[in-house]
Amino acid sequence: MTKHLYLCYYNNRPSYVLLGWDNNRKGFYMILDYQNGNEDCAIYSNLFSKKPYPKTLGKYLDYLKDKNIILPTQMIDAVLRDAFRRLEDNEVTHRVDGGSYTRLETIDYAIL
């Protein structure tokens, strides 16, 4: 399972999108949640769906667009590459600060 993390804001609170490819299930997954949240449940999880591992990202990107969250193109491309290559282990944090994109080859799990 690959993991691509994007830090953002939702409802004026620090949040994150975790998006990736699950090679065992041959589909994509996504979670939207608050950073360090104390809620019982994520804002959105692919597991809420009847078809939790779609073969395309369209459903997830449309959902995020409705929430005014736009993922960096570089992140979307990286997740699609993971699927094409059938990667099983890849962890990346994607950030956009002041219009400048950065990619870190790690995920800080303390914020999740």
N, C-alpha and C. Protein backbone atom coordinates (compact mmCIF):
# COMPACT_ATOMS: atom_id res chain seq x y z
N MET A 1 0.86 -1.17 0.00
CA MET A 1 0.00 0.00 0.00
C MET A 1 0.90 1.24 0.00
N THR A 2 0.66 2.14 -0.94
CA THR A 2 1.42 3.38 -0.96
C THR A 2 0.64 4.46 -0.21
N LYS A 3 1.37 5.43 0.30
CA LYS A 3 0.74 6.49 1.09
C LYS A 3 1.29 7.85 0.65
N HIS A 4 0.39 8.72 0.25
CA HIS A 4 0.73 10.09 -0.13
C HIS A 4 -0.08 11.02 0.75
N LEU A 5 0.61 11.83 1.52
CA LEU A 5 -0.03 12.72 2.50
C LEU A 5 0.01 14.16 2.00
N TYR A 6 -1.14 14.84 2.10
CA TYR A 6 -1.23 16.26 1.77
C TYR A 6 -1.84 16.99 2.95
N LEU A 7 -1.11 17.96 3.47
CA LEU A 7 -1.59 18.76 4.59
C LEU A 7 -2.39 19.94 4.06
N CYS A 8 -3.56 20.17 4.64
CA CYS A 8 -4.46 21.21 4.14
C CYS A 8 -5.31 21.74 5.29
N TYR A 9 -6.29 22.56 4.95
CA TYR A 9 -7.27 23.05 5.92
C TYR A 9 -8.66 22.67 5.44
N TYR A 10 -9.49 22.26 6.39
CA TYR A 10 -10.89 21.98 6.12
C TYR A 10 -11.69 22.52 7.29
N ASN A 11 -12.72 23.29 7.01
CA ASN A 11 -13.51 23.95 8.07
C ASN A 11 -12.61 24.76 9.01
N ASN A 12 -11.62 25.43 8.42
CA ASN A 12 -10.68 26.28 9.16
C ASN A 12 -9.86 25.51 10.20
N ARG A 13 -9.70 24.22 10.01
CA ARG A 13 -8.89 23.40 10.91
C ARG A 13 -7.81 22.68 10.12
N PRO A 14 -6.63 22.53 10.70
CA PRO A 14 -5.59 21.75 10.02
C PRO A 14 -6.09 20.33 9.76
N SER A 15 -5.95 19.90 8.53
CA SER A 15 -6.46 18.60 8.10
C SER A 15 -5.43 17.92 7.21
N TYR A 16 -5.77 16.72 6.79
CA TYR A 16 -4.90 16.03 5.84
C TYR A 16 -5.71 15.13 4.93
N VAL A 17 -5.13 14.89 3.77
CA VAL A 17 -5.65 13.90 2.83
C VAL A 17 -4.57 12.83 2.71
N LEU A 18 -4.97 11.59 2.92
CA LEU A 18 -4.08 10.45 2.70
C LEU A 18 -4.64 9.69 1.51
N LEU A 19 -3.86 9.62 0.46
CA LEU A 19 -4.30 9.03 -0.80
C LEU A 19 -3.26 8.03 -1.25
N GLY A 20 -3.68 6.92 -1.81
CA GLY A 20 -2.70 5.96 -2.27
C GLY A 20 -3.29 4.82 -3.06
N TRP A 21 -2.39 3.91 -3.41
CA TRP A 21 -2.71 2.73 -4.19
C TRP A 21 -2.57 1.50 -3.28
N ASP A 22 -3.59 0.65 -3.27
CA ASP A 22 -3.53 -0.60 -2.52
C ASP A 22 -3.34 -1.73 -3.53
N ASN A 23 -2.13 -2.25 -3.59
CA ASN A 23 -1.81 -3.26 -4.59
C ASN A 23 -2.55 -4.57 -4.35
N ASN A 24 -2.79 -4.92 -3.10
CA ASN A 24 -3.52 -6.16 -2.81
C ASN A 24 -4.96 -6.09 -3.28
N ARG A 25 -5.58 -4.93 -3.14
CA ARG A 25 -6.99 -4.77 -3.53
C ARG A 25 -7.15 -4.20 -4.93
N LYS A 26 -6.03 -3.86 -5.55
CA LYS A 26 -6.01 -3.35 -6.93
C LYS A 26 -6.91 -2.13 -7.10
N GLY A 27 -6.78 -1.18 -6.17
CA GLY A 27 -7.57 0.04 -6.26
C GLY A 27 -7.00 1.14 -5.39
N PHE A 28 -7.58 2.31 -5.52
CA PHE A 28 -7.14 3.49 -4.78
C PHE A 28 -7.94 3.64 -3.49
N TYR A 29 -7.35 4.33 -2.52
CA TYR A 29 -8.05 4.62 -1.28
C TYR A 29 -7.79 6.08 -0.90
N MET A 30 -8.64 6.62 -0.04
CA MET A 30 -8.47 8.00 0.42
C MET A 30 -9.10 8.19 1.79
N ILE A 31 -8.42 9.00 2.59
CA ILE A 31 -8.94 9.42 3.89
C ILE A 31 -8.78 10.94 3.99
N LEU A 32 -9.80 11.62 4.46
CA LEU A 32 -9.75 13.04 4.80
C LEU A 32 -10.08 13.14 6.27
N ASP A 33 -9.20 13.76 7.04
CA ASP A 33 -9.43 13.87 8.48
C ASP A 33 -8.71 15.09 9.02
N TYR A 34 -9.06 15.45 10.25
CA TYR A 34 -8.39 16.55 10.94
C TYR A 34 -7.06 16.07 11.50
N GLN A 35 -6.06 16.94 11.46
CA GLN A 35 -4.78 16.61 12.07
C GLN A 35 -4.95 16.54 13.58
N ASN A 36 -4.39 15.51 14.17
CA ASN A 36 -4.46 15.32 15.62
C ASN A 36 -5.90 15.41 16.13
N GLY A 37 -6.84 14.98 15.31
CA GLY A 37 -8.26 15.09 15.68
C GLY A 37 -8.66 14.11 16.76
N ASN A 38 -9.63 14.51 17.53
CA ASN A 38 -10.16 13.65 18.59
C ASN A 38 -11.52 13.06 18.22
N GLU A 39 -11.91 13.24 16.97
CA GLU A 39 -13.21 12.74 16.54
C GLU A 39 -13.19 11.21 16.51
N ASP A 40 -14.35 10.62 16.63
CA ASP A 40 -14.46 9.17 16.62
C ASP A 40 -14.29 8.58 15.22
N CYS A 41 -14.46 9.41 14.21
CA CYS A 41 -14.51 8.91 12.85
C CYS A 41 -13.90 9.94 11.91
N ALA A 42 -13.30 9.48 10.83
CA ALA A 42 -12.73 10.38 9.82
C ALA A 42 -13.84 11.19 9.15
N ILE A 43 -13.47 12.33 8.59
CA ILE A 43 -14.42 13.12 7.81
C ILE A 43 -14.88 12.30 6.61
N TYR A 44 -13.91 11.65 5.94
CA TYR A 44 -14.21 10.77 4.81
C TYR A 44 -13.20 9.63 4.82
N SER A 45 -13.68 8.46 4.51
CA SER A 45 -12.82 7.30 4.31
C SER A 45 -13.39 6.49 3.16
N ASN A 46 -12.51 5.93 2.34
CA ASN A 46 -12.98 5.07 1.26
C ASN A 46 -13.79 3.90 1.80
N LEU A 47 -13.57 3.53 3.05
CA LEU A 47 -14.30 2.41 3.64
C LEU A 47 -15.77 2.73 3.89
N PHE A 48 -16.15 4.01 3.76
CA PHE A 48 -17.56 4.39 3.88
C PHE A 48 -18.35 4.00 2.63
N SER A 49 -17.65 3.66 1.56
CA SER A 49 -18.27 3.42 0.26
C SER A 49 -18.57 1.94 0.05
N LYS A 50 -19.57 1.66 -0.78
CA LYS A 50 -19.88 0.28 -1.15
C LYS A 50 -18.78 -0.33 -2.01
N LYS A 51 -18.11 0.53 -2.79
CA LYS A 51 -16.96 0.10 -3.61
C LYS A 51 -15.75 0.89 -3.11
N PRO A 52 -15.09 0.40 -2.05
CA PRO A 52 -14.08 1.20 -1.37
C PRO A 52 -12.73 1.34 -2.08
N TYR A 53 -12.49 0.58 -3.14
CA TYR A 53 -11.19 0.65 -3.82
C TYR A 53 -11.39 0.83 -5.33
N PRO A 54 -11.78 2.04 -5.75
CA PRO A 54 -12.03 2.27 -7.17
C PRO A 54 -10.74 2.18 -8.00
N LYS A 55 -10.92 1.96 -9.27
CA LYS A 55 -9.80 1.83 -10.20
C LYS A 55 -9.30 3.17 -10.72
N THR A 56 -10.06 4.25 -10.45
CA THR A 56 -9.65 5.59 -10.87
C THR A 56 -9.75 6.54 -9.67
N LEU A 57 -9.15 7.72 -9.81
CA LEU A 57 -9.16 8.73 -8.75
C LEU A 57 -10.32 9.71 -8.87
N GLY A 58 -11.08 9.65 -9.94
CA GLY A 58 -12.12 10.64 -10.21
C GLY A 58 -13.07 10.89 -9.07
N LYS A 59 -13.56 9.84 -8.46
CA LYS A 59 -14.52 9.95 -7.34
C LYS A 59 -13.91 10.74 -6.18
N TYR A 60 -12.67 10.46 -5.86
CA TYR A 60 -12.01 11.14 -4.76
C TYR A 60 -11.70 12.59 -5.08
N LEU A 61 -11.22 12.84 -6.28
CA LEU A 61 -10.90 14.22 -6.67
C LEU A 61 -12.15 15.08 -6.73
N ASP A 62 -13.27 14.51 -7.19
CA ASP A 62 -14.54 15.24 -7.20
C ASP A 62 -14.99 15.56 -5.78
N TYR A 63 -14.87 14.60 -4.89
CA TYR A 63 -15.26 14.82 -3.49
C TYR A 63 -14.43 15.95 -2.88
N LEU A 64 -13.12 15.90 -3.09
CA LEU A 64 -12.25 16.94 -2.53
C LEU A 64 -12.55 18.31 -3.14
N LYS A 65 -12.83 18.34 -4.43
CA LYS A 65 -13.17 19.60 -5.09
C LYS A 65 -14.41 20.22 -4.45
N ASP A 66 -15.40 19.39 -4.14
CA ASP A 66 -16.62 19.87 -3.47
C ASP A 66 -16.31 20.45 -2.09
N LYS A 67 -15.22 20.00 -1.49
CA LYS A 67 -14.80 20.50 -0.17
C LYS A 67 -13.76 21.62 -0.28
N ASN A 68 -13.53 22.09 -1.52
CA ASN A 68 -12.55 23.15 -1.79
C ASN A 68 -11.13 22.75 -1.42
N ILE A 69 -10.81 21.48 -1.63
CA ILE A 69 -9.46 20.97 -1.43
C ILE A 69 -8.95 20.50 -2.79
N ILE A 70 -7.87 21.12 -3.23
CA ILE A 70 -7.28 20.77 -4.52
C ILE A 70 -5.90 20.19 -4.26
N LEU A 71 -5.70 18.95 -4.65
CA LEU A 71 -4.42 18.30 -4.47
C LEU A 71 -3.41 18.79 -5.50
N PRO A 72 -2.13 18.83 -5.14
CA PRO A 72 -1.11 19.20 -6.13
C PRO A 72 -1.09 18.17 -7.27
N THR A 73 -0.91 18.66 -8.47
CA THR A 73 -0.83 17.78 -9.64
C THR A 73 0.27 16.74 -9.46
N GLN A 74 1.37 17.16 -8.86
CA GLN A 74 2.49 16.25 -8.66
C GLN A 74 2.09 15.06 -7.78
N MET A 75 1.22 15.30 -6.81
CA MET A 75 0.76 14.23 -5.93
C MET A 75 -0.12 13.25 -6.70
N ILE A 76 -1.05 13.79 -7.46
CA ILE A 76 -1.95 12.95 -8.26
C ILE A 76 -1.13 12.10 -9.22
N ASP A 77 -0.17 12.72 -9.90
CA ASP A 77 0.68 11.98 -10.83
C ASP A 77 1.46 10.87 -10.13
N ALA A 78 1.97 11.17 -8.93
CA ALA A 78 2.75 10.17 -8.18
C ALA A 78 1.90 8.98 -7.78
N VAL A 79 0.66 9.23 -7.36
CA VAL A 79 -0.24 8.13 -6.98
C VAL A 79 -0.57 7.28 -8.20
N LEU A 80 -0.82 7.92 -9.33
CA LEU A 80 -1.10 7.18 -10.56
C LEU A 80 0.11 6.35 -10.99
N ARG A 81 1.32 6.89 -10.82
CA ARG A 81 2.54 6.14 -11.13
C ARG A 81 2.67 4.91 -10.22
N ASP A 82 2.32 5.09 -8.93
CA ASP A 82 2.36 3.95 -8.00
C ASP A 82 1.48 2.82 -8.51
N ALA A 83 0.28 3.17 -8.96
CA ALA A 83 -0.65 2.16 -9.46
C ALA A 83 -0.10 1.50 -10.73
N PHE A 84 0.43 2.30 -11.63
CA PHE A 84 0.98 1.77 -12.88
C PHE A 84 2.13 0.80 -12.60
N ARG A 85 2.95 1.15 -11.63
CA ARG A 85 4.12 0.32 -11.29
C ARG A 85 3.78 -0.78 -10.28
N ARG A 86 2.54 -0.77 -9.79
CA ARG A 86 2.09 -1.75 -8.80
C ARG A 86 2.98 -1.74 -7.55
N LEU A 87 3.34 -0.53 -7.12
CA LEU A 87 4.18 -0.39 -5.93
C LEU A 87 3.43 -0.83 -4.69
N GLU A 88 4.17 -1.32 -3.73
CA GLU A 88 3.56 -1.77 -2.48
C GLU A 88 3.97 -0.92 -1.29
N ASP A 89 5.05 -0.17 -1.42
CA ASP A 89 5.53 0.60 -0.28
C ASP A 89 6.17 1.90 -0.76
N ASN A 90 5.48 2.99 -0.53
CA ASN A 90 5.98 4.30 -0.91
C ASN A 90 5.29 5.31 -0.01
N GLU A 91 6.05 6.09 0.76
CA GLU A 91 5.48 7.08 1.67
C GLU A 91 6.04 8.45 1.33
N VAL A 92 5.13 9.39 1.02
CA VAL A 92 5.52 10.72 0.58
C VAL A 92 4.60 11.76 1.20
N THR A 93 5.18 12.88 1.60
CA THR A 93 4.39 14.03 2.02
C THR A 93 4.51 15.09 0.95
N HIS A 94 3.39 15.64 0.52
CA HIS A 94 3.34 16.69 -0.49
C HIS A 94 2.88 17.98 0.18
N ARG A 95 3.57 19.07 -0.10
CA ARG A 95 3.19 20.36 0.50
C ARG A 95 3.20 21.45 -0.55
N VAL A 96 2.31 22.40 -0.36
CA VAL A 96 2.32 23.62 -1.16
C VAL A 96 2.30 24.78 -0.17
N ASP A 97 3.38 25.54 -0.14
CA ASP A 97 3.51 26.71 0.75
C ASP A 97 3.76 27.94 -0.11
N GLY A 98 2.82 28.88 -0.07
CA GLY A 98 2.98 30.10 -0.86
C GLY A 98 3.15 29.84 -2.35
N GLY A 99 2.50 28.81 -2.84
CA GLY A 99 2.57 28.49 -4.26
C GLY A 99 3.77 27.62 -4.63
N SER A 100 4.64 27.32 -3.68
CA SER A 100 5.83 26.51 -3.94
C SER A 100 5.58 25.08 -3.47
N TYR A 101 5.81 24.14 -4.37
CA TYR A 101 5.59 22.72 -4.09
C TYR A 101 6.85 22.07 -3.53
N THR A 102 6.68 21.24 -2.49
CA THR A 102 7.79 20.42 -1.98
C THR A 102 7.31 18.99 -1.79
N ARG A 103 8.25 18.09 -1.93
CA ARG A 103 7.99 16.65 -1.78
C ARG A 103 9.00 16.10 -0.78
N LEU A 104 8.49 15.43 0.26
CA LEU A 104 9.34 14.80 1.26
C LEU A 104 9.13 13.30 1.20
N GLU A 105 10.20 12.55 1.21
CA GLU A 105 10.12 11.10 1.08
C GLU A 105 9.87 10.42 2.42
N THR A 106 8.97 11.00 3.21
CA THR A 106 8.62 10.44 4.50
C THR A 106 7.25 10.99 4.93
N ILE A 107 6.68 10.39 5.95
CA ILE A 107 5.42 10.86 6.53
C ILE A 107 5.62 10.98 8.03
N ASP A 108 5.23 12.13 8.58
CA ASP A 108 5.28 12.34 10.01
C ASP A 108 3.95 11.87 10.60
N TYR A 109 3.93 10.66 11.13
CA TYR A 109 2.68 10.08 11.65
C TYR A 109 2.18 10.75 12.91
N ALA A 110 3.01 11.55 13.55
CA ALA A 110 2.58 12.23 14.79
C ALA A 110 1.45 13.22 14.54
N ILE A 111 1.32 13.73 13.31
CA ILE A 111 0.27 14.72 13.04
C ILE A 111 -1.06 14.07 12.68
N LEU A 112 -1.05 12.78 12.43
CA LEU A 112 -2.28 12.11 12.00
C LEU A 112 -3.15 11.73 13.16
